[in-house]
Amino acid sequence: MRPALPLLLCLPLLACAQAVYEVPVATPAGLQAAASEIGQGAAPGRRNLSEDEAKAAITRVARRLAPAGTAVCQEIGRGAGCEWRFVYDPSTDLNAAATGEGVIVVQRGVADYARNDAEIAFVVAHEMAHHAADHVRSTQNRAQAGAALGGILASLAGAYAGLETGQLAQTASGVGAQLGVISYSKAQEREADVLGAAILHRAGYDIGEARDMLLTLARLSGRTETSRLSTHPAGPDRIASFDGAVEELRASNWRLAPRR
């Protein structure tokens, strides 16, 4: 089985799509400042919203973001459709998702935990950015490629060791799919934060108010360091990267040309 290990570790190289916006690397000083800011407060509790109030808040934000999201999507020009369909999910989780074809699912918990429309908008714009940058399709492609290569390598390793390969191939195929997604998912999350900020800016939201949702997410997760197998950057990493990118975008009058 040992010959397969270096090959499995090469699976992240499957993902080589160029970023729309290269997010600056967080500096040690930026990470320290972000960690300190996170530690100075506690995660807010849920707001006591009715179902109608939560649905109205998400609908209001989605309508305001849609034209700005279309403009950023067209400027990026990644081939993703730039029309939107927003779906309200009554789940109380603080979560949202871009499912492809411009469909953005927003769970009720986003409105419950947000303290204002700008914080709701941060979450929704982030998912719109995932779609606009074509992250959904590229992630699916990486997962499929990772699963295929993982299965092939496991079969070869099993044959080399004289083992039964059926179950081994199935297990390694799942690992390959996971690695195929993980390899660049953190980069995609950082990029979606930045492109989402561009959407927020064009929709007229205050970036500082919207950024407070990052603090809430960081305080709820409690993670302080980004590991190799994390699907999302930890709070300090995510906030420091976001702050550096927003500073660059402001200096360039919010032009989305990639960094050189």
Protein backbone atom coordinates (compact mmCIF):
# COMPACT_ATOMS: atom_id res chain seq x y z
CA MET A 1 0.00 0.00 0.00
CA ARG A 2 2.93 2.38 0.58
CA PRO A 3 3.48 3.30 -3.12
CA ALA A 4 -0.02 4.81 -3.30
CA LEU A 5 0.51 7.36 -0.55
CA PRO A 6 2.59 9.90 -2.52
CA LEU A 7 0.13 9.59 -5.39
CA LEU A 8 -2.87 10.24 -3.15
CA LEU A 9 -1.13 13.29 -1.75
CA CYS A 10 -0.92 14.64 -5.30
CA LEU A 11 -4.70 14.77 -5.66
CA PRO A 12 -4.92 18.48 -4.69
CA LEU A 13 -2.97 19.25 -7.87
CA LEU A 14 -6.08 18.35 -9.83
CA ALA A 15 -7.49 21.77 -8.99
CA CYS A 16 -5.76 24.43 -11.00
CA ALA A 17 -8.48 26.85 -12.03
CA GLN A 18 -7.30 30.45 -11.99
CA ALA A 19 -8.89 32.64 -9.36
CA VAL A 20 -10.99 35.61 -10.38
CA TYR A 21 -9.41 37.64 -7.60
CA GLU A 22 -6.22 36.55 -5.87
CA VAL A 23 -6.84 37.27 -2.21
CA PRO A 24 -3.76 38.63 -0.41
CA VAL A 25 -2.10 36.33 2.10
CA ALA A 26 -2.98 37.25 5.67
CA THR A 27 0.00 38.71 7.54
CA PRO A 28 0.96 37.59 11.07
CA ALA A 29 0.02 41.05 12.34
CA GLY A 30 -3.35 40.83 10.59
CA LEU A 31 -4.03 37.38 12.03
CA GLN A 32 -3.13 38.55 15.52
CA ALA A 33 -5.36 41.62 15.25
CA ALA A 34 -8.26 39.53 13.96
CA ALA A 35 -7.86 36.96 16.73
CA SER A 36 -7.81 39.73 19.32
CA GLU A 37 -10.95 41.30 17.87
CA ILE A 38 -12.77 37.97 17.88
CA GLY A 39 -11.81 37.35 21.49
CA GLN A 40 -13.13 40.70 22.66
CA GLY A 41 -16.76 39.74 22.21
CA ALA A 42 -19.20 36.86 22.36
CA ALA A 43 -21.38 35.47 19.60
CA PRO A 44 -24.82 37.10 19.59
CA GLY A 45 -27.82 35.02 20.47
CA ARG A 46 -30.75 34.45 18.17
CA ARG A 47 -33.14 37.30 17.56
CA ASN A 48 -36.75 36.61 18.42
CA LEU A 49 -38.07 36.92 14.87
CA SER A 50 -41.33 35.51 13.66
CA GLU A 51 -41.34 33.36 10.53
CA ASP A 52 -42.83 36.22 8.54
CA GLU A 53 -40.22 38.68 9.82
CA ALA A 54 -37.31 36.37 8.95
CA LYS A 55 -38.71 35.67 5.49
CA ALA A 56 -39.35 39.38 4.85
CA ALA A 57 -35.81 40.34 5.90
CA ILE A 58 -34.18 37.77 3.61
CA THR A 59 -36.48 38.70 0.73
CA ARG A 60 -35.75 42.40 1.18
CA VAL A 61 -31.99 41.80 1.14
CA ALA A 62 -32.13 39.44 -1.84
CA ARG A 63 -34.05 41.94 -3.96
CA ARG A 64 -31.54 44.67 -3.17
CA LEU A 65 -28.54 42.46 -3.94
CA ALA A 66 -29.79 40.95 -7.20
CA PRO A 67 -28.86 43.82 -9.60
CA ALA A 68 -25.43 44.26 -7.98
CA GLY A 69 -24.81 40.52 -8.14
CA THR A 70 -25.69 40.47 -11.82
CA ALA A 71 -23.29 43.36 -12.52
CA VAL A 72 -20.38 41.67 -10.72
CA CYS A 73 -21.19 38.32 -12.33
CA GLN A 74 -21.12 39.87 -15.80
CA GLU A 75 -17.88 41.72 -15.05
CA ILE A 76 -16.23 38.46 -13.95
CA GLY A 77 -17.36 36.73 -17.13
CA ARG A 78 -16.81 33.16 -15.97
CA GLY A 79 -19.68 31.80 -18.04
CA ALA A 80 -22.04 31.32 -15.12
CA GLY A 81 -25.59 32.50 -15.63
CA CYS A 82 -26.14 35.90 -14.06
CA GLU A 83 -29.81 35.60 -13.15
CA TRP A 84 -30.91 34.74 -9.64
CA ARG A 85 -33.54 32.71 -7.88
CA PHE A 86 -33.60 32.99 -4.10
CA VAL A 87 -35.14 30.22 -2.03
CA TYR A 88 -36.12 30.67 1.61
CA ASP A 89 -35.45 27.64 3.83
CA PRO A 90 -37.20 27.62 7.25
CA SER A 91 -34.30 25.74 8.88
CA THR A 92 -32.90 27.55 11.91
CA ASP A 93 -29.27 26.89 10.94
CA LEU A 94 -27.06 29.88 10.15
CA ASN A 95 -26.33 28.72 6.63
CA ALA A 96 -26.89 29.39 2.94
CA ALA A 97 -25.82 27.69 -0.27
CA ALA A 98 -25.31 28.27 -3.99
CA THR A 99 -26.66 25.20 -5.76
CA GLY A 100 -25.94 26.14 -9.38
CA GLU A 101 -28.07 27.77 -12.08
CA GLY A 102 -28.26 30.96 -10.02
CA VAL A 103 -30.24 29.33 -7.20
CA ILE A 104 -29.32 30.71 -3.76
CA VAL A 105 -30.84 28.94 -0.75
CA VAL A 106 -30.93 31.02 2.44
CA GLN A 107 -31.89 29.44 5.74
CA ARG A 108 -33.94 31.26 8.32
CA GLY A 109 -31.08 31.09 10.84
CA VAL A 110 -29.20 33.72 8.82
CA ALA A 111 -31.85 36.29 9.72
CA ASP A 112 -32.10 35.00 13.29
CA TYR A 113 -28.41 35.56 14.02
CA ALA A 114 -27.88 38.73 11.97
CA ARG A 115 -28.31 42.03 13.78
CA ASN A 116 -29.18 44.00 10.65
CA ASP A 117 -29.77 43.69 6.91
CA ALA A 118 -26.08 44.26 6.13
CA GLU A 119 -25.11 41.10 8.00
CA ILE A 120 -27.76 39.08 6.18
CA ALA A 121 -26.48 40.58 2.94
CA PHE A 122 -22.93 39.40 3.71
CA VAL A 123 -24.09 35.77 3.74
CA VAL A 124 -26.27 36.07 0.66
CA ALA A 125 -23.65 37.99 -1.36
CA HIS A 126 -21.03 35.40 -0.43
CA GLU A 127 -23.16 32.63 -1.97
CA MET A 128 -23.89 34.76 -5.04
CA ALA A 129 -20.13 35.19 -5.44
CA HIS A 130 -19.63 31.41 -5.33
CA HIS A 131 -22.02 31.10 -8.25
CA ALA A 132 -20.64 34.06 -10.21
CA ALA A 133 -17.07 32.73 -9.94
CA ASP A 134 -18.29 29.29 -11.09
CA HIS A 135 -17.10 27.65 -7.89
CA VAL A 136 -20.02 25.23 -7.85
CA ARG A 137 -19.15 23.60 -11.15
CA SER A 138 -15.39 23.60 -10.56
CA THR A 139 -15.87 21.99 -7.15
CA GLN A 140 -18.08 19.27 -8.65
CA ASN A 141 -15.49 18.62 -11.35
CA ARG A 142 -12.70 18.34 -8.79
CA ALA A 143 -14.72 15.94 -6.66
CA GLN A 144 -15.40 13.72 -9.68
CA ALA A 145 -11.77 13.76 -10.79
CA GLY A 146 -10.56 13.13 -7.27
CA ALA A 147 -12.92 10.19 -6.84
CA ALA A 148 -11.84 8.62 -10.13
CA LEU A 149 -8.12 8.97 -9.47
CA GLY A 150 -8.47 7.85 -5.87
CA GLY A 151 -10.20 4.66 -7.00
CA ILE A 152 -7.58 3.91 -9.65
CA LEU A 153 -4.69 4.43 -7.24
CA ALA A 154 -6.31 2.29 -4.58
CA SER A 155 -6.88 -0.53 -7.06
CA LEU A 156 -3.25 -0.40 -8.15
CA ALA A 157 -2.08 -0.37 -4.54
CA GLY A 158 -4.33 -3.29 -3.67
CA ALA A 159 -3.09 -5.35 -6.61
CA TYR A 160 0.50 -4.59 -5.64
CA ALA A 161 -0.10 -5.81 -2.09
CA GLY A 162 -2.16 -8.83 -3.20
CA LEU A 163 -5.31 -7.56 -1.44
CA GLU A 164 -9.01 -7.60 -2.35
CA THR A 165 -9.49 -4.29 -4.16
CA GLY A 166 -13.29 -3.80 -4.26
CA GLN A 167 -13.93 -2.28 -0.84
CA LEU A 168 -10.51 -0.62 -0.81
CA ALA A 169 -11.23 1.15 -4.09
CA GLN A 170 -14.63 2.29 -2.87
CA THR A 171 -13.17 3.74 0.34
CA ALA A 172 -10.26 5.46 -1.40
CA SER A 173 -12.60 6.84 -4.04
CA GLY A 174 -14.48 8.66 -1.29
CA VAL A 175 -11.23 9.97 0.16
CA GLY A 176 -10.17 11.13 -3.29
CA ALA A 177 -13.42 13.02 -3.77
CA GLN A 178 -13.02 14.70 -0.39
CA LEU A 179 -9.44 15.75 -1.14
CA GLY A 180 -10.46 16.95 -4.58
CA VAL A 181 -12.85 19.40 -2.93
CA ILE A 182 -10.76 20.33 0.10
CA SER A 183 -7.67 21.22 -1.93
CA TYR A 184 -9.03 24.58 -3.04
CA SER A 185 -12.19 25.09 -1.04
CA LYS A 186 -10.47 27.43 1.41
CA ALA A 187 -9.23 29.58 -1.47
CA GLN A 188 -12.73 29.65 -2.92
CA GLU A 189 -14.19 30.72 0.43
CA ARG A 190 -11.75 33.61 0.70
CA GLU A 191 -12.44 34.62 -2.89
CA ALA A 192 -16.21 34.47 -2.36
CA ASP A 193 -15.85 36.76 0.67
CA VAL A 194 -14.04 39.34 -1.45
CA LEU A 195 -16.32 39.11 -4.50
CA GLY A 196 -19.25 39.23 -2.09
CA ALA A 197 -17.83 42.47 -0.70
CA ALA A 198 -17.85 43.90 -4.23
CA ILE A 199 -21.52 42.93 -4.54
CA LEU A 200 -22.28 44.53 -1.17
CA HIS A 201 -20.49 47.72 -2.20
CA ARG A 202 -22.44 47.99 -5.44
CA ALA A 203 -25.69 47.37 -3.59
CA GLY A 204 -24.89 50.25 -1.24
CA TYR A 205 -24.37 48.26 1.97
CA ASP A 206 -21.87 49.39 4.59
CA ILE A 207 -18.94 46.96 4.39
CA GLY A 208 -18.06 47.48 8.05
CA GLU A 209 -21.55 46.53 9.20
CA ALA A 210 -21.65 43.52 6.89
CA ARG A 211 -18.21 42.40 8.12
CA ASP A 212 -19.64 41.91 11.62
CA MET A 213 -21.17 38.67 10.33
CA LEU A 214 -17.63 37.32 9.99
CA LEU A 215 -17.09 38.03 13.68
CA THR A 216 -20.31 36.21 14.54
CA LEU A 217 -19.31 33.19 12.45
CA ALA A 218 -15.83 33.15 13.99
CA ARG A 219 -17.18 33.35 17.54
CA LEU A 220 -19.74 30.63 16.91
CA SER A 221 -17.18 28.24 15.41
CA GLY A 222 -14.47 28.81 18.01
CA ARG A 223 -11.75 27.73 15.54
CA THR A 224 -8.57 29.79 15.70
CA GLU A 225 -6.34 28.04 13.17
CA THR A 226 -6.90 26.83 9.61
CA SER A 227 -5.86 23.21 9.16
CA ARG A 228 -4.98 21.52 5.88
CA LEU A 229 -8.22 19.53 5.95
CA SER A 230 -10.51 22.41 6.91
CA THR A 231 -13.14 23.26 4.30
CA HIS A 232 -13.31 26.88 5.53
CA PRO A 233 -10.61 29.22 6.78
CA ALA A 234 -10.67 29.73 10.55
CA GLY A 235 -12.02 33.04 11.84
CA PRO A 236 -8.74 34.98 12.19
CA ASP A 237 -7.52 33.80 8.78
CA ARG A 238 -10.80 34.64 7.08
CA ILE A 239 -11.14 38.09 8.65
CA ALA A 240 -7.51 39.09 8.07
CA SER A 241 -7.68 37.97 4.42
CA PHE A 242 -10.98 39.81 3.95
CA ASP A 243 -9.63 43.03 5.47
CA GLY A 244 -6.52 42.97 3.29
CA ALA A 245 -8.52 42.38 0.12
CA VAL A 246 -11.09 45.08 0.91
CA GLU A 247 -8.26 47.55 1.52
CA GLU A 248 -6.84 46.71 -1.91
CA LEU A 249 -10.23 46.99 -3.59
CA ARG A 250 -10.89 50.38 -2.04
CA ALA A 251 -7.48 51.59 -3.23
CA SER A 252 -8.33 50.44 -6.78
CA ASN A 253 -11.83 51.96 -6.68
CA TRP A 254 -13.30 48.45 -6.39
CA ARG A 255 -11.88 47.21 -9.69
CA LEU A 256 -11.98 43.43 -9.79
CA ALA A 257 -8.84 42.89 -11.88
CA PRO A 258 -6.73 40.06 -10.37
CA ARG A 259 -3.72 41.04 -8.29
CA ARG A 260 -0.36 40.86 -10.06
